[in-house]
Amino acid sequence: MSKATLDNRHRNKDGEISAKHGNTLIRTLRKVYGQSFAAGYPDTEKLREVLLKLNETSLSQVRRDHETGHLEHKITKASK
């Protein structure tokens, strides 16, 4: 069982995202989720570098797609 941190993020789920998609650039994720994704971070940052600092909206978008198995497809499509 995972332990929730102070802001209710479960480390094992964020760790899974980081392990599988951590090299994805914020630029690519903005193509998927819009320009407001990971606001305040440069396009050249990688997801693993900002994952635990994302605002709730950006984090919930990524987690939802990861949990439903859609994240990889969306990243692949945006990378083309």
C-alpha atoms as a PDB file:
ATOM      1  CA  MET A   1       0.000   0.000   0.000  1.00  0.00           C
ATOM      2  CA  SER A   2       1.269   3.447  -0.781  1.00  0.00           C
ATOM      3  CA  LYS A   3       1.514   6.298   1.685  1.00  0.00           C
ATOM      4  CA  ALA A   4       0.030   9.633   0.777  1.00  0.00           C
ATOM      5  CA  THR A   5       2.279  12.626   1.202  1.00  0.00           C
ATOM      6  CA  LEU A   6       1.060  15.856   2.743  1.00  0.00           C
ATOM      7  CA  ASP A   7      -0.668  16.927  -0.467  1.00  0.00           C
ATOM      8  CA  ASN A   8      -2.258  13.469  -0.995  1.00  0.00           C
ATOM      9  CA  ARG A   9       0.031  12.376  -3.820  1.00  0.00           C
ATOM     10  CA  HIS A  10       0.845   8.703  -3.704  1.00  0.00           C
ATOM     11  CA  ARG A  11       4.535   8.216  -4.319  1.00  0.00           C
ATOM     12  CA  ASN A  12       4.236   4.866  -6.059  1.00  0.00           C
ATOM     13  CA  LYS A  13       1.934   6.241  -8.786  1.00  0.00           C
ATOM     14  CA  ASP A  14       4.089   9.312  -9.373  1.00  0.00           C
ATOM     15  CA  GLY A  15       7.134   7.042  -9.384  1.00  0.00           C
ATOM     16  CA  GLU A  16       5.544   4.826 -12.029  1.00  0.00           C
ATOM     17  CA  ILE A  17       4.879   7.847 -14.218  1.00  0.00           C
ATOM     18  CA  SER A  18       8.399   9.151 -13.741  1.00  0.00           C
ATOM     19  CA  ALA A  19       9.967   5.770 -14.477  1.00  0.00           C
ATOM     20  CA  LYS A  20       7.994   5.220 -17.659  1.00  0.00           C
ATOM     21  CA  HIS A  21       7.630   8.763 -19.018  1.00  0.00           C
ATOM     22  CA  GLY A  22      10.208  10.751 -17.064  1.00  0.00           C
ATOM     23  CA  ASN A  23      12.249  11.688 -20.126  1.00  0.00           C
ATOM     24  CA  THR A  24       9.255  13.334 -21.800  1.00  0.00           C
ATOM     25  CA  LEU A  25       9.781  17.044 -22.331  1.00  0.00           C
ATOM     26  CA  ILE A  26       7.288  19.521 -20.952  1.00  0.00           C
ATOM     27  CA  ARG A  27       7.092  20.889 -24.523  1.00  0.00           C
ATOM     28  CA  THR A  28       5.609  17.567 -25.681  1.00  0.00           C
ATOM     29  CA  LEU A  29       3.122  17.431 -22.812  1.00  0.00           C
ATOM     30  CA  ARG A  30       1.978  20.961 -23.620  1.00  0.00           C
ATOM     31  CA  LYS A  31       1.023  19.705 -27.086  1.00  0.00           C
ATOM     32  CA  VAL A  32      -1.217  17.176 -25.336  1.00  0.00           C
ATOM     33  CA  TYR A  33      -2.622  19.218 -22.438  1.00  0.00           C
ATOM     34  CA  GLY A  34      -2.263  22.816 -23.613  1.00  0.00           C
ATOM     35  CA  GLN A  35       0.167  25.655 -22.966  1.00  0.00           C
ATOM     36  CA  SER A  36      -0.844  26.016 -19.321  1.00  0.00           C
ATOM     37  CA  PHE A  37       0.490  22.549 -18.463  1.00  0.00           C
ATOM     38  CA  ALA A  38       3.320  22.801 -15.904  1.00  0.00           C
ATOM     39  CA  ALA A  39       3.029  26.578 -15.849  1.00  0.00           C
ATOM     40  CA  GLY A  40       6.231  28.276 -14.803  1.00  0.00           C
ATOM     41  CA  TYR A  41       8.548  25.551 -16.084  1.00  0.00           C
ATOM     42  CA  PRO A  42      10.583  25.795 -19.299  1.00  0.00           C
ATOM     43  CA  ASP A  43       9.679  23.664 -22.326  1.00  0.00           C
ATOM     44  CA  THR A  44      13.043  21.922 -22.022  1.00  0.00           C
ATOM     45  CA  GLU A  45      12.435  20.496 -18.529  1.00  0.00           C
ATOM     46  CA  LYS A  46      11.681  16.787 -18.334  1.00  0.00           C
ATOM     47  CA  LEU A  47       8.604  15.417 -16.625  1.00  0.00           C
ATOM     48  CA  ARG A  48      10.623  13.637 -13.934  1.00  0.00           C
ATOM     49  CA  GLU A  49      12.223  16.963 -12.957  1.00  0.00           C
ATOM     50  CA  VAL A  50       8.892  18.691 -12.277  1.00  0.00           C
ATOM     51  CA  LEU A  51       6.459  15.854 -11.545  1.00  0.00           C
ATOM     52  CA  LEU A  52       6.327  16.267  -7.786  1.00  0.00           C
ATOM     53  CA  LYS A  53       6.042  20.059  -8.108  1.00  0.00           C
ATOM     54  CA  LEU A  54       3.149  20.179 -10.598  1.00  0.00           C
ATOM     55  CA  ASN A  55      -0.034  21.979  -9.687  1.00  0.00           C
ATOM     56  CA  GLU A  56      -3.074  19.807  -9.037  1.00  0.00           C
ATOM     57  CA  THR A  57      -4.609  20.368 -12.483  1.00  0.00           C
ATOM     58  CA  SER A  58      -1.491  19.338 -14.410  1.00  0.00           C
ATOM     59  CA  LEU A  59      -0.780  16.416 -12.099  1.00  0.00           C
ATOM     60  CA  SER A  60      -4.321  15.060 -12.253  1.00  0.00           C
ATOM     61  CA  GLN A  61      -4.303  15.184 -16.075  1.00  0.00           C
ATOM     62  CA  VAL A  62      -1.120  13.118 -16.290  1.00  0.00           C
ATOM     63  CA  ARG A  63      -2.162  10.672 -13.569  1.00  0.00           C
ATOM     64  CA  ARG A  64      -5.595  10.086 -15.116  1.00  0.00           C
ATOM     65  CA  ASP A  65      -4.088   9.295 -18.523  1.00  0.00           C
ATOM     66  CA  HIS A  66      -1.379   7.125 -16.969  1.00  0.00           C
ATOM     67  CA  GLU A  67      -3.915   5.134 -14.937  1.00  0.00           C
ATOM     68  CA  THR A  68      -6.192   4.581 -17.948  1.00  0.00           C
ATOM     69  CA  GLY A  69      -3.283   3.621 -20.219  1.00  0.00           C
ATOM     70  CA  HIS A  70      -3.677   6.596 -22.571  1.00  0.00           C
ATOM     71  CA  LEU A  71      -0.580   8.588 -21.653  1.00  0.00           C
ATOM     72  CA  GLU A  72       1.889   6.682 -23.815  1.00  0.00           C
ATOM     73  CA  HIS A  73      -0.322   6.989 -26.900  1.00  0.00           C
ATOM     74  CA  LYS A  74      -0.829  10.730 -26.348  1.00  0.00           C
ATOM     75  CA  ILE A  75       2.913  11.314 -25.897  1.00  0.00           C
ATOM     76  CA  THR A  76       3.736   9.294 -29.019  1.00  0.00           C
ATOM     77  CA  LYS A  77       1.174  11.212 -31.075  1.00  0.00           C
ATOM     78  CA  ALA A  78       2.397  14.605 -29.805  1.00  0.00           C
ATOM     79  CA  SER A  79       6.030  13.697 -30.501  1.00  0.00           C
ATOM     80  CA  LYS A  80       5.415  13.237 -34.237  1.00  0.00           C
END
